[in-house]
Amino acid sequence: MNREELIGALKPIIAPYTTNDDAFGKLSENTDFIHDLQINSANLVDIVLDIEEKFDIVIDNPDMERMLNVKAAIDIIESKLQMK
């Protein structure tokens, strides 16, 4: 999957948790989960769990702490998929 395809795959995972439809409509690698999409930390954990299920990967605590924006999420997903 390329980066655009990964963003497309993340959209349905992120959609139920965001409260900012404008920022969600402009979702890009630079989108911040907390500030731009207004996703709280509990829901961010749900997103991580959904990503693990969707991509059949395990995201450890250090990676989870880094996953604050779409770019970091994509980087983590790509690195975990390469390790498979």
C-alpha atoms as a PDB file:
ATOM      1  CA  MET A   1       0.000   0.000   0.000  1.00  0.00           C
ATOM      2  CA  ASN A   2       1.224   3.478  -0.760  1.00  0.00           C
ATOM      3  CA  ARG A   3       0.771   6.388   1.631  1.00  0.00           C
ATOM      4  CA  GLU A   4      -2.421   7.657  -0.059  1.00  0.00           C
ATOM      5  CA  GLU A   5      -3.964   4.182   0.149  1.00  0.00           C
ATOM      6  CA  LEU A   6      -3.033   4.019   3.835  1.00  0.00           C
ATOM      7  CA  ILE A   7      -4.706   7.387   4.455  1.00  0.00           C
ATOM      8  CA  GLY A   8      -7.773   6.024   2.672  1.00  0.00           C
ATOM      9  CA  ALA A   9      -7.698   2.930   4.887  1.00  0.00           C
ATOM     10  CA  LEU A  10      -7.389   5.082   8.010  1.00  0.00           C
ATOM     11  CA  LYS A  11     -10.370   7.303   7.184  1.00  0.00           C
ATOM     12  CA  PRO A  12     -13.109   4.821   8.153  1.00  0.00           C
ATOM     13  CA  ILE A  13     -11.185   3.991  11.338  1.00  0.00           C
ATOM     14  CA  ILE A  14     -10.857   7.655  12.355  1.00  0.00           C
ATOM     15  CA  ALA A  15     -14.310   8.875  11.243  1.00  0.00           C
ATOM     16  CA  PRO A  16     -16.365   7.708  14.258  1.00  0.00           C
ATOM     17  CA  TYR A  17     -14.026   9.426  16.714  1.00  0.00           C
ATOM     18  CA  THR A  18     -13.538  12.885  15.218  1.00  0.00           C
ATOM     19  CA  THR A  19     -15.647  15.898  16.117  1.00  0.00           C
ATOM     20  CA  ASN A  20     -14.156  18.208  13.495  1.00  0.00           C
ATOM     21  CA  ASP A  21     -15.689  17.350  10.129  1.00  0.00           C
ATOM     22  CA  ASP A  22     -13.830  20.161   8.326  1.00  0.00           C
ATOM     23  CA  ALA A  23     -10.409  18.871   9.387  1.00  0.00           C
ATOM     24  CA  PHE A  24     -11.478  15.294   8.667  1.00  0.00           C
ATOM     25  CA  GLY A  25     -12.471  16.305   5.147  1.00  0.00           C
ATOM     26  CA  LYS A  26      -8.934  17.634   4.598  1.00  0.00           C
ATOM     27  CA  LEU A  27      -7.220  14.612   6.192  1.00  0.00           C
ATOM     28  CA  SER A  28      -3.550  14.450   5.212  1.00  0.00           C
ATOM     29  CA  GLU A  29      -0.258  13.265   6.667  1.00  0.00           C
ATOM     30  CA  ASN A  30      -0.020  16.562   8.550  1.00  0.00           C
ATOM     31  CA  THR A  31      -3.342  16.107  10.362  1.00  0.00           C
ATOM     32  CA  ASP A  32      -2.980  15.926  14.142  1.00  0.00           C
ATOM     33  CA  PHE A  33      -5.403  13.568  15.862  1.00  0.00           C
ATOM     34  CA  ILE A  34      -5.822  15.602  19.039  1.00  0.00           C
ATOM     35  CA  HIS A  35      -5.586  19.203  17.855  1.00  0.00           C
ATOM     36  CA  ASP A  36      -7.005  19.042  14.325  1.00  0.00           C
ATOM     37  CA  LEU A  37      -9.533  16.232  14.640  1.00  0.00           C
ATOM     38  CA  GLN A  38     -10.305  16.900  18.321  1.00  0.00           C
ATOM     39  CA  ILE A  39     -10.005  13.230  19.249  1.00  0.00           C
ATOM     40  CA  ASN A  40      -9.563  12.626  22.978  1.00  0.00           C
ATOM     41  CA  SER A  41      -6.880  10.308  24.322  1.00  0.00           C
ATOM     42  CA  ALA A  42      -9.307   7.483  25.178  1.00  0.00           C
ATOM     43  CA  ASN A  43     -10.605   7.464  21.618  1.00  0.00           C
ATOM     44  CA  LEU A  44      -7.037   7.615  20.317  1.00  0.00           C
ATOM     45  CA  VAL A  45      -6.432   4.295  22.072  1.00  0.00           C
ATOM     46  CA  ASP A  46      -9.530   2.915  20.311  1.00  0.00           C
ATOM     47  CA  ILE A  47      -8.104   4.080  16.990  1.00  0.00           C
ATOM     48  CA  VAL A  48      -4.819   2.298  17.726  1.00  0.00           C
ATOM     49  CA  LEU A  49      -6.713  -0.902  18.556  1.00  0.00           C
ATOM     50  CA  ASP A  50      -8.732  -0.600  15.351  1.00  0.00           C
ATOM     51  CA  ILE A  51      -5.519  -0.079  13.347  1.00  0.00           C
ATOM     52  CA  GLU A  52      -4.012  -3.185  14.932  1.00  0.00           C
ATOM     53  CA  GLU A  53      -7.064  -5.203  13.925  1.00  0.00           C
ATOM     54  CA  LYS A  54      -7.314  -3.776  10.398  1.00  0.00           C
ATOM     55  CA  PHE A  55      -3.650  -4.329   9.527  1.00  0.00           C
ATOM     56  CA  ASP A  56      -3.050  -7.403  11.742  1.00  0.00           C
ATOM     57  CA  ILE A  57      -0.152  -5.734  13.551  1.00  0.00           C
ATOM     58  CA  VAL A  58       0.799  -5.105  17.183  1.00  0.00           C
ATOM     59  CA  ILE A  59       1.561  -1.533  18.218  1.00  0.00           C
ATOM     60  CA  ASP A  60       3.671  -1.374  21.369  1.00  0.00           C
ATOM     61  CA  ASN A  61       3.511   1.407  23.954  1.00  0.00           C
ATOM     62  CA  PRO A  62       6.435   3.484  22.599  1.00  0.00           C
ATOM     63  CA  ASP A  63       4.849   3.479  19.125  1.00  0.00           C
ATOM     64  CA  MET A  64       1.436   4.243  20.599  1.00  0.00           C
ATOM     65  CA  GLU A  65       2.874   7.300  22.355  1.00  0.00           C
ATOM     66  CA  ARG A  66       4.318   8.523  19.012  1.00  0.00           C
ATOM     67  CA  MET A  67       1.048   8.087  17.131  1.00  0.00           C
ATOM     68  CA  LEU A  68      -0.256  11.640  17.483  1.00  0.00           C
ATOM     69  CA  ASN A  69      -0.745  12.437  13.803  1.00  0.00           C
ATOM     70  CA  VAL A  70      -1.518  10.697  10.540  1.00  0.00           C
ATOM     71  CA  LYS A  71       2.122  10.731   9.376  1.00  0.00           C
ATOM     72  CA  ALA A  72       3.295   8.921  12.518  1.00  0.00           C
ATOM     73  CA  ALA A  73       0.453   6.407  12.166  1.00  0.00           C
ATOM     74  CA  ILE A  74       1.423   5.676   8.570  1.00  0.00           C
ATOM     75  CA  ASP A  75       5.125   5.388   9.455  1.00  0.00           C
ATOM     76  CA  ILE A  76       4.315   2.933  12.260  1.00  0.00           C
ATOM     77  CA  ILE A  77       1.953   0.874  10.090  1.00  0.00           C
ATOM     78  CA  GLU A  78       4.524   0.689   7.281  1.00  0.00           C
ATOM     79  CA  SER A  79       7.322  -0.368   9.640  1.00  0.00           C
ATOM     80  CA  LYS A  80       5.146  -3.042  11.283  1.00  0.00           C
ATOM     81  CA  LEU A  81       4.004  -4.400   7.917  1.00  0.00           C
ATOM     82  CA  GLN A  82       7.625  -4.625   6.735  1.00  0.00           C
ATOM     83  CA  MET A  83       8.492  -6.660   9.823  1.00  0.00           C
ATOM     84  CA  LYS A  84       5.858  -9.307   8.961  1.00  0.00           C
END
